[in-house]
């Protein structure tokens, strides 16, 4: 068994995009944070080839944030599924400047029955990256950070490569052109290539849009595929002893003429209502909608590319700011319904049109999560939903 620990500084820039509060908040409040990180390094496409897996994690006091591969992307303290008998690698980046290390134990990370089987050095510099190479043992049960074992811990699962397969989902529009979209298979989340990621590399724009899910066992899987401006579709695929490919076609949404248009300015840490008069000059005003009706939100970026501040913290440039609508779901719930593009230009304006759904509960800027307001949606039966 090898246990190689080598320090890497700035190998992976994706994790320190937003800092501790923003990354943790993005998952808890806005659903899958992986959609909003600056992913400038190609993620592994598939690893279901009998070889060991490479995991990339971001360490913050609130928990380990999964970065790659797809089944851990944006998941807090994800389950690490390890292939029996193969060498694996854990690459992790210090995301907040606190003191962290990575350990694998034979028992509970917070109990007295565990034995540390693998461990990395301690890292205290934000943005610094280190790694661990190892071959899984049957005794492995959990991984954790020794300085923060209660918050930063997750399970380990050993699997046989002969019992799992890969699902490839191709996403296209009605013309057969590749379409960037978010894809959910069971409880696993991914993107069709560069979908929903800010400032994607230009050379990736012509790539075929597909999402890959590896290490799937035989059985039926519910799939859900969505991108803003197109219908959200659901279907079921069956894995039965071999790999599968699936083609999903998303139709554009024609919301119709808005019955109401809301206008707001995005300032530092808040939205300020402009019109109609019912929200004028209000901070993070509540938007009152009726289910099934079409609405428009026009908003102005009044702060350009705002950067978070913090003592002894070093942040990468944010992708700008945007307007999104989500449900008020629990951590890691896939719950975004509307999302504009990111813009970094001060004074830039954008508009989104959408049909109100009962599940809508909040609107926010996904780069500045304290800029958040409530939505109430009145249903056809006169009841009001939203929190």
Protein backbone atom coordinates (compact mmCIF):
# COMPACT_ATOMS: atom_id res chain seq x y z
CA UNK A 1 0.00 0.00 0.00
CA UNK A 2 1.33 3.43 -0.89
CA UNK A 3 0.73 6.52 1.14
CA UNK A 4 2.14 9.39 -0.81
CA UNK A 5 1.56 12.87 0.50
CA UNK A 6 2.77 15.70 -1.63
CA UNK A 7 2.02 19.35 -1.14
CA UNK A 8 0.43 21.15 -4.04
CA UNK A 9 -0.18 24.87 -4.02
CA UNK A 10 -2.80 26.25 -6.40
CA UNK A 11 -3.18 22.98 -8.33
CA UNK A 12 -6.94 23.38 -8.29
CA UNK A 13 -8.29 26.94 -8.36
CA UNK A 14 -11.92 25.94 -8.37
CA UNK A 15 -12.45 25.59 -4.64
CA UNK A 16 -11.47 28.99 -3.29
CA UNK A 17 -13.82 30.95 -5.51
CA UNK A 18 -16.10 32.19 -2.79
CA UNK A 19 -14.57 31.52 0.61
CA UNK A 20 -16.04 29.79 3.60
CA UNK A 21 -19.36 31.54 4.10
CA UNK A 22 -20.34 31.68 0.46
CA UNK A 23 -19.54 28.07 -0.39
CA UNK A 24 -21.29 26.69 2.66
CA UNK A 25 -24.24 29.01 2.14
CA UNK A 26 -24.54 28.18 -1.54
CA UNK A 27 -25.23 24.57 -0.75
CA UNK A 28 -27.56 25.19 2.16
CA UNK A 29 -29.57 27.94 0.50
CA UNK A 30 -29.37 27.73 -3.25
CA UNK A 31 -29.03 24.05 -4.03
CA UNK A 32 -26.04 22.71 -5.89
CA UNK A 33 -23.09 25.01 -5.44
CA UNK A 34 -21.10 23.23 -8.08
CA UNK A 35 -23.02 25.13 -10.71
CA UNK A 36 -21.55 28.42 -9.60
CA UNK A 37 -17.85 27.72 -9.01
CA UNK A 38 -15.18 28.78 -11.46
CA UNK A 39 -14.29 25.37 -12.86
CA UNK A 40 -11.29 26.03 -15.07
CA UNK A 41 -9.81 22.52 -14.86
CA UNK A 42 -11.33 19.64 -16.83
CA UNK A 43 -13.15 17.22 -14.54
CA UNK A 44 -12.76 13.45 -14.96
CA UNK A 45 -15.28 12.24 -17.55
CA UNK A 46 -15.56 8.70 -16.27
CA UNK A 47 -13.67 6.34 -14.02
CA UNK A 48 -15.67 3.14 -14.38
CA UNK A 49 -12.80 1.27 -16.04
CA UNK A 50 -11.65 -0.91 -13.18
CA UNK A 51 -9.03 1.60 -12.10
CA UNK A 52 -8.95 3.57 -8.88
CA UNK A 53 -10.76 6.87 -8.53
CA UNK A 54 -9.46 10.38 -7.98
CA UNK A 55 -11.50 12.60 -5.66
CA UNK A 56 -11.16 16.35 -5.28
CA UNK A 57 -12.48 18.00 -2.12
CA UNK A 58 -12.55 21.47 -0.64
CA UNK A 59 -11.98 21.71 3.10
CA UNK A 60 -13.88 24.34 5.08
CA UNK A 61 -14.87 24.31 8.75
CA UNK A 62 -18.51 23.68 7.87
CA UNK A 63 -17.70 20.42 6.07
CA UNK A 64 -15.86 18.82 3.17
CA UNK A 65 -17.24 20.05 -0.16
CA UNK A 66 -17.09 17.60 -3.06
CA UNK A 67 -15.63 18.92 -6.32
CA UNK A 68 -14.96 15.85 -8.49
CA UNK A 69 -15.92 13.33 -9.79
CA UNK A 70 -19.56 13.90 -10.69
CA UNK A 71 -21.18 11.91 -7.90
CA UNK A 72 -19.65 14.16 -5.22
CA UNK A 73 -19.79 17.51 -7.03
CA UNK A 74 -21.14 20.18 -4.65
CA UNK A 75 -22.17 17.58 -2.05
CA UNK A 76 -21.31 18.38 1.56
CA UNK A 77 -19.38 15.54 3.26
CA UNK A 78 -20.10 13.18 0.34
CA UNK A 79 -19.90 9.40 0.47
CA UNK A 80 -16.57 8.32 -1.06
CA UNK A 81 -17.26 5.18 -3.13
CA UNK A 82 -13.98 3.30 -3.47
CA UNK A 83 -13.18 0.43 -5.83
CA UNK A 84 -11.86 -2.68 -4.13
CA UNK A 85 -8.20 -3.49 -4.72
CA UNK A 86 -7.34 -0.35 -6.73
CA UNK A 87 -5.14 2.61 -5.81
CA UNK A 88 -7.07 5.84 -5.21
CA UNK A 89 -6.11 9.46 -4.72
CA UNK A 90 -7.71 12.16 -2.57
CA UNK A 91 -6.74 15.71 -3.57
CA UNK A 92 -8.01 18.38 -1.23
CA UNK A 93 -7.67 22.15 -1.01
CA UNK A 94 -7.84 24.34 2.08
CA UNK A 95 -10.81 26.58 1.35
CA UNK A 96 -10.90 28.91 4.35
CA UNK A 97 -7.43 29.24 5.88
CA UNK A 98 -8.29 27.25 9.00
CA UNK A 99 -6.15 24.26 10.03
CA UNK A 100 -7.27 21.02 8.35
CA UNK A 101 -6.04 17.54 7.53
CA UNK A 102 -7.62 14.49 5.94
CA UNK A 103 -7.85 11.11 7.68
CA UNK A 104 -9.50 7.76 6.99
CA UNK A 105 -10.51 5.73 10.02
CA UNK A 106 -11.70 2.20 10.71
CA UNK A 107 -14.42 3.43 13.04
CA UNK A 108 -16.31 6.57 13.95
CA UNK A 109 -14.45 9.85 13.60
CA UNK A 110 -16.02 11.08 16.85
CA UNK A 111 -15.96 7.81 18.77
CA UNK A 112 -13.31 5.91 20.67
CA UNK A 113 -13.45 2.76 18.54
CA UNK A 114 -11.72 4.15 15.44
CA UNK A 115 -8.16 3.68 14.22
CA UNK A 116 -6.62 6.12 11.75
CA UNK A 117 -5.55 4.09 8.70
CA UNK A 118 -4.48 6.89 6.33
CA UNK A 119 -3.66 10.54 6.92
CA UNK A 120 -2.32 13.66 5.23
CA UNK A 121 -0.25 16.47 6.62
CA UNK A 122 -1.92 19.46 8.25
CA UNK A 123 -2.55 22.47 6.00
CA UNK A 124 -3.34 25.97 7.30
CA UNK A 125 -2.88 28.14 4.21
CA UNK A 126 -5.97 28.98 2.23
CA UNK A 127 -5.62 27.72 -1.32
CA UNK A 128 -2.90 25.20 -0.49
CA UNK A 129 -3.54 21.69 -1.80
CA UNK A 130 -2.25 18.30 -0.71
CA UNK A 131 -3.04 14.70 -1.62
CA UNK A 132 -3.19 11.16 -0.35
CA UNK A 133 -2.73 7.96 -2.37
CA UNK A 134 -3.96 4.66 -0.88
CA UNK A 135 -5.58 1.33 -1.61
CA UNK A 136 -8.91 0.79 0.19
CA UNK A 137 -9.15 -1.63 3.11
CA UNK A 138 -12.27 -3.42 4.29
CA UNK A 139 -11.90 -1.72 7.68
CA UNK A 140 -12.36 1.78 6.26
CA UNK A 141 -15.58 3.40 7.45
CA UNK A 142 -15.19 7.20 7.62
CA UNK A 143 -13.00 10.11 6.62
CA UNK A 144 -12.62 13.25 8.73
CA UNK A 145 -10.59 16.34 9.62
CA UNK A 146 -8.84 15.92 12.97
CA UNK A 147 -9.24 19.58 14.09
CA UNK A 148 -12.95 19.56 13.11
CA UNK A 149 -14.18 15.95 13.36
CA UNK A 150 -17.81 16.74 14.17
CA UNK A 151 -18.45 18.93 11.10
CA UNK A 152 -15.91 17.59 8.59
CA UNK A 153 -16.64 13.88 8.34
CA UNK A 154 -18.24 11.53 5.84
CA UNK A 155 -18.70 7.82 5.06
CA UNK A 156 -16.55 5.50 2.95
CA UNK A 157 -18.12 2.74 0.84
CA UNK A 158 -16.23 -0.10 -0.91
CA UNK A 159 -17.67 -1.38 -4.18
CA UNK A 160 -16.82 -3.98 -6.81
CA UNK A 161 -16.18 -2.59 -10.34
CA UNK A 162 -17.79 -5.67 -11.91
CA UNK A 163 -21.16 -4.75 -10.43
CA UNK A 164 -21.39 -1.16 -11.74
CA UNK A 165 -21.87 0.57 -15.09
CA UNK A 166 -21.82 3.98 -16.75
CA UNK A 167 -24.75 6.10 -17.93
CA UNK A 168 -24.10 8.81 -20.54
CA UNK A 169 -26.88 11.38 -21.06
CA UNK A 170 -26.74 13.52 -24.22
CA UNK A 171 -28.68 16.78 -24.00
CA UNK A 172 -29.86 18.69 -27.07
CA UNK A 173 -32.47 21.20 -28.15
CA UNK A 174 -35.25 20.56 -30.65
CA UNK A 175 -32.87 21.29 -33.54
CA UNK A 176 -30.47 18.60 -32.37
CA UNK A 177 -27.89 21.14 -31.19
CA UNK A 178 -25.95 20.39 -27.97
CA UNK A 179 -27.50 22.08 -24.96
CA UNK A 180 -25.92 22.84 -21.62
CA UNK A 181 -28.11 21.59 -18.79
CA UNK A 182 -28.14 20.37 -15.21
CA UNK A 183 -28.75 16.64 -14.91
CA UNK A 184 -29.94 14.66 -11.89
CA UNK A 185 -29.83 10.84 -11.83
CA UNK A 186 -31.29 9.57 -8.58
CA UNK A 187 -29.44 11.61 -5.97
CA UNK A 188 -26.45 12.31 -8.23
CA UNK A 189 -25.98 15.67 -9.89
CA UNK A 190 -23.90 16.64 -12.91
CA UNK A 191 -23.80 18.96 -15.92
CA UNK A 192 -23.81 18.34 -19.63
CA UNK A 193 -20.23 19.54 -20.05
CA UNK A 194 -19.97 23.30 -19.49
CA UNK A 195 -23.62 23.87 -18.58
CA UNK A 196 -24.46 26.54 -16.02
CA UNK A 197 -20.82 27.30 -15.25
CA UNK A 198 -19.78 30.96 -15.47
CA UNK A 199 -17.20 32.04 -18.05
CA UNK A 200 -16.68 28.63 -19.69
CA UNK A 201 -13.57 28.19 -21.84
CA UNK A 202 -14.22 29.26 -25.42
CA UNK A 203 -12.76 26.08 -26.86
CA UNK A 204 -15.42 24.05 -25.04
CA UNK A 205 -18.34 25.78 -26.74
CA UNK A 206 -18.44 23.32 -29.65
CA UNK A 207 -18.22 20.18 -27.54
CA UNK A 208 -21.05 17.71 -27.55
CA UNK A 209 -23.22 18.23 -24.48
CA UNK A 210 -23.29 15.14 -22.30
CA UNK A 211 -23.30 14.19 -18.64
CA UNK A 212 -21.60 11.03 -17.41
CA UNK A 213 -22.52 9.02 -14.34
CA UNK A 214 -20.28 6.10 -13.47
CA UNK A 215 -20.43 3.32 -10.88
CA UNK A 216 -24.17 2.78 -11.22
CA UNK A 217 -25.57 -0.56 -10.10
CA UNK A 218 -28.30 -2.41 -12.00
CA UNK A 219 -31.77 -0.97 -11.49
CA UNK A 220 -34.13 1.86 -12.45
CA UNK A 221 -33.06 5.47 -12.04
CA UNK A 222 -35.22 8.59 -12.13
CA UNK A 223 -33.61 11.33 -14.22
CA UNK A 224 -34.39 15.04 -14.31
CA UNK A 225 -32.84 17.52 -16.75
CA UNK A 226 -33.17 21.29 -16.75
CA UNK A 227 -31.70 24.51 -18.03
CA UNK A 228 -33.21 27.99 -17.84
CA UNK A 229 -35.46 28.88 -20.77
CA UNK A 230 -36.34 25.23 -21.53
CA UNK A 231 -38.81 22.68 -20.22
CA UNK A 232 -37.69 20.62 -17.25
CA UNK A 233 -38.06 16.96 -18.25
CA UNK A 234 -38.21 13.77 -16.20
CA UNK A 235 -37.82 10.17 -17.29
CA UNK A 236 -36.65 6.76 -16.09
CA UNK A 237 -33.67 4.77 -17.33
CA UNK A 238 -32.81 1.16 -16.56
CA UNK A 239 -29.30 -0.18 -16.05
CA UNK A 240 -29.28 -3.92 -16.76
CA UNK A 241 -25.84 -5.49 -16.93
CA UNK A 242 -24.21 -2.99 -19.30
CA UNK A 243 -23.47 0.69 -19.91
CA UNK A 244 -26.29 2.93 -21.17
CA UNK A 245 -26.66 6.02 -23.33
CA UNK A 246 -29.70 8.27 -23.25
CA UNK A 247 -30.65 11.25 -25.45
CA UNK A 248 -32.73 14.02 -23.86
CA UNK A 249 -34.39 16.74 -25.94
CA UNK A 250 -35.42 19.94 -24.16
CA UNK A 251 -38.07 22.18 -25.65
CA UNK A 252 -37.92 25.97 -25.22
CA UNK A 253 -40.38 27.63 -22.86
CA UNK A 254 -42.66 30.32 -24.22
CA UNK A 255 -43.88 32.04 -21.03
CA UNK A 256 -46.08 34.60 -22.79
CA UNK A 257 -46.55 38.25 -21.89
CA UNK A 258 -45.76 39.08 -18.25
CA UNK A 259 -48.70 40.04 -16.07
CA UNK A 260 -46.31 41.97 -13.80
CA UNK A 261 -42.74 43.25 -14.13
CA UNK A 262 -40.57 43.78 -11.07
CA UNK A 263 -37.52 46.04 -11.23
CA UNK A 264 -34.65 45.87 -8.70
CA UNK A 265 -31.07 47.01 -8.17
CA UNK A 266 -28.43 44.66 -6.81
CA UNK A 267 -26.28 46.45 -4.25
CA UNK A 268 -23.74 45.14 -1.76
CA UNK A 269 -25.50 42.49 0.32
CA UNK A 270 -29.02 43.41 -0.74
CA UNK A 271 -31.60 43.93 -3.45
CA UNK A 272 -33.41 47.29 -3.55
CA UNK A 273 -36.85 47.47 -5.14
CA UNK A 274 -37.40 50.04 -7.90
CA UNK A 275 -40.86 49.30 -9.28
CA UNK A 276 -43.78 48.82 -9.03
CA UNK A 277 -44.59 51.20 -6.18
CA UNK A 278 -45.41 48.28 -3.87
CA UNK A 279 -41.67 47.37 -3.65
CA UNK A 280 -40.06 50.76 -4.39
CA UNK A 281 -37.09 51.51 -2.07
CA UNK A 282 -37.68 48.32 -0.06
CA UNK A 283 -34.66 46.16 0.84
CA UNK A 284 -35.00 42.56 -0.36
CA UNK A 285 -38.73 43.07 -1.00
CA UNK A 286 -41.10 40.13 -1.00
CA UNK A 287 -42.31 39.25 -4.50
CA UNK A 288 -45.97 38.23 -4.51
CA UNK A 289 -46.79 35.88 -7.39
CA UNK A 290 -49.70 33.75 -8.53
CA UNK A 291 -49.06 30.18 -9.67
CA UNK A 292 -49.29 29.72 -13.43
CA UNK A 293 -48.91 33.43 -14.25
CA UNK A 294 -45.98 34.88 -16.21
CA UNK A 295 -43.68 37.45 -14.58
CA UNK A 296 -40.57 39.39 -15.52
CA UNK A 297 -37.76 40.58 -13.27
CA UNK A 298 -35.50 43.34 -14.57
CA UNK A 299 -32.42 43.97 -12.47
CA UNK A 300 -29.34 46.17 -12.52
CA UNK A 301 -25.88 45.21 -11.28
CA UNK A 302 -24.96 48.30 -9.26
CA UNK A 303 -21.70 46.93 -7.80
CA UNK A 304 -19.84 45.44 -10.77
CA UNK A 305 -17.69 42.48 -9.68
CA UNK A 306 -17.99 42.71 -5.92
CA UNK A 307 -15.28 40.88 -3.99
CA UNK A 308 -15.79 39.39 -0.50
CA UNK A 309 -13.46 40.57 2.21
CA UNK A 310 -11.95 38.75 5.15
CA UNK A 311 -8.85 38.90 7.30
CA UNK A 312 -6.06 36.61 6.04
CA UNK A 313 -8.27 35.39 3.20
CA UNK A 314 -7.34 35.26 -0.47
CA UNK A 315 -10.17 34.97 -2.97
CA UNK A 316 -10.27 34.39 -6.67
CA UNK A 317 -12.38 36.75 -8.77
CA UNK A 318 -16.08 35.98 -8.58
CA UNK A 319 -17.83 35.33 -11.89
CA UNK A 320 -19.97 38.40 -11.33
CA UNK A 321 -23.54 38.37 -10.09
CA UNK A 322 -26.87 36.97 -11.20
CA UNK A 323 -30.53 36.62 -10.32
CA UNK A 324 -31.89 33.21 -9.36
CA UNK A 325 -35.12 31.79 -7.96
CA UNK A 326 -35.09 28.63 -5.85
CA UNK A 327 -37.17 26.70 -3.39
CA UNK A 328 -36.23 26.96 0.26
CA UNK A 329 -34.89 23.41 0.32
CA UNK A 330 -32.54 21.54 2.53
CA UNK A 331 -28.81 21.16 1.91
CA UNK A 332 -27.99 19.63 -1.49
CA UNK A 333 -31.59 19.68 -2.69
CA UNK A 334 -31.68 20.40 -6.40
CA UNK A 335 -34.02 23.35 -6.29
CA UNK A 336 -33.15 26.15 -8.74
CA UNK A 337 -35.99 27.23 -11.07
CA UNK A 338 -34.76 30.46 -12.67
CA UNK A 339 -31.20 31.64 -13.20
CA UNK A 340 -29.90 34.55 -15.26
CA UNK A 341 -26.40 34.73 -16.67
CA UNK A 342 -23.62 36.13 -14.50
CA UNK A 343 -22.59 39.72 -15.23
CA UNK A 344 -19.55 41.53 -13.83
CA UNK A 345 -20.17 44.96 -15.38
CA UNK A 346 -21.34 47.79 -13.15
CA UNK A 347 -24.57 49.23 -14.51
CA UNK A 348 -25.34 46.14 -16.60
CA UNK A 349 -29.01 45.15 -16.73
CA UNK A 350 -30.70 41.82 -17.32
CA UNK A 351 -34.26 40.54 -17.55
CA UNK A 352 -35.72 37.10 -16.93
CA UNK A 353 -39.24 35.93 -17.71
CA UNK A 354 -40.79 32.90 -16.04
CA UNK A 355 -44.00 31.18 -15.06
CA UNK A 356 -44.59 31.16 -11.30
CA UNK A 357 -44.53 27.76 -9.60
CA UNK A 358 -45.75 26.92 -6.12
CA UNK A 359 -42.30 25.60 -5.18
CA UNK A 360 -40.65 29.02 -5.60
CA UNK A 361 -39.75 30.52 -2.23
CA UNK A 362 -36.63 32.73 -2.49
CA UNK A 363 -34.68 34.86 -4.95
CA UNK A 364 -30.98 35.57 -4.58
CA UNK A 365 -27.64 36.49 -6.10
CA UNK A 366 -25.68 33.24 -6.18
CA UNK A 367 -22.35 34.99 -5.70
CA UNK A 368 -23.54 37.15 -2.80
CA UNK A 369 -25.90 35.05 -0.76
CA UNK A 370 -26.88 37.65 1.79
CA UNK A 371 -28.69 39.41 -1.07
CA UNK A 372 -31.79 37.27 -0.64
CA UNK A 373 -35.51 37.93 -0.61
CA UNK A 374 -38.70 35.93 -0.15
CA UNK A 375 -41.31 34.89 -2.69
CA UNK A 376 -44.91 34.04 -1.92
CA UNK A 377 -46.94 32.14 -4.52
CA UNK A 378 -50.72 32.03 -4.31
CA UNK A 379 -52.09 28.78 -5.72
CA UNK A 380 -55.27 28.27 -7.70
CA UNK A 381 -57.07 27.18 -4.53
CA UNK A 382 -56.33 30.50 -2.84
CA UNK A 383 -53.60 29.07 -0.60
CA UNK A 384 -50.22 30.75 -0.34
CA UNK A 385 -47.00 28.76 -0.57
CA UNK A 386 -43.39 29.76 -0.01
CA UNK A 387 -41.52 30.52 3.17
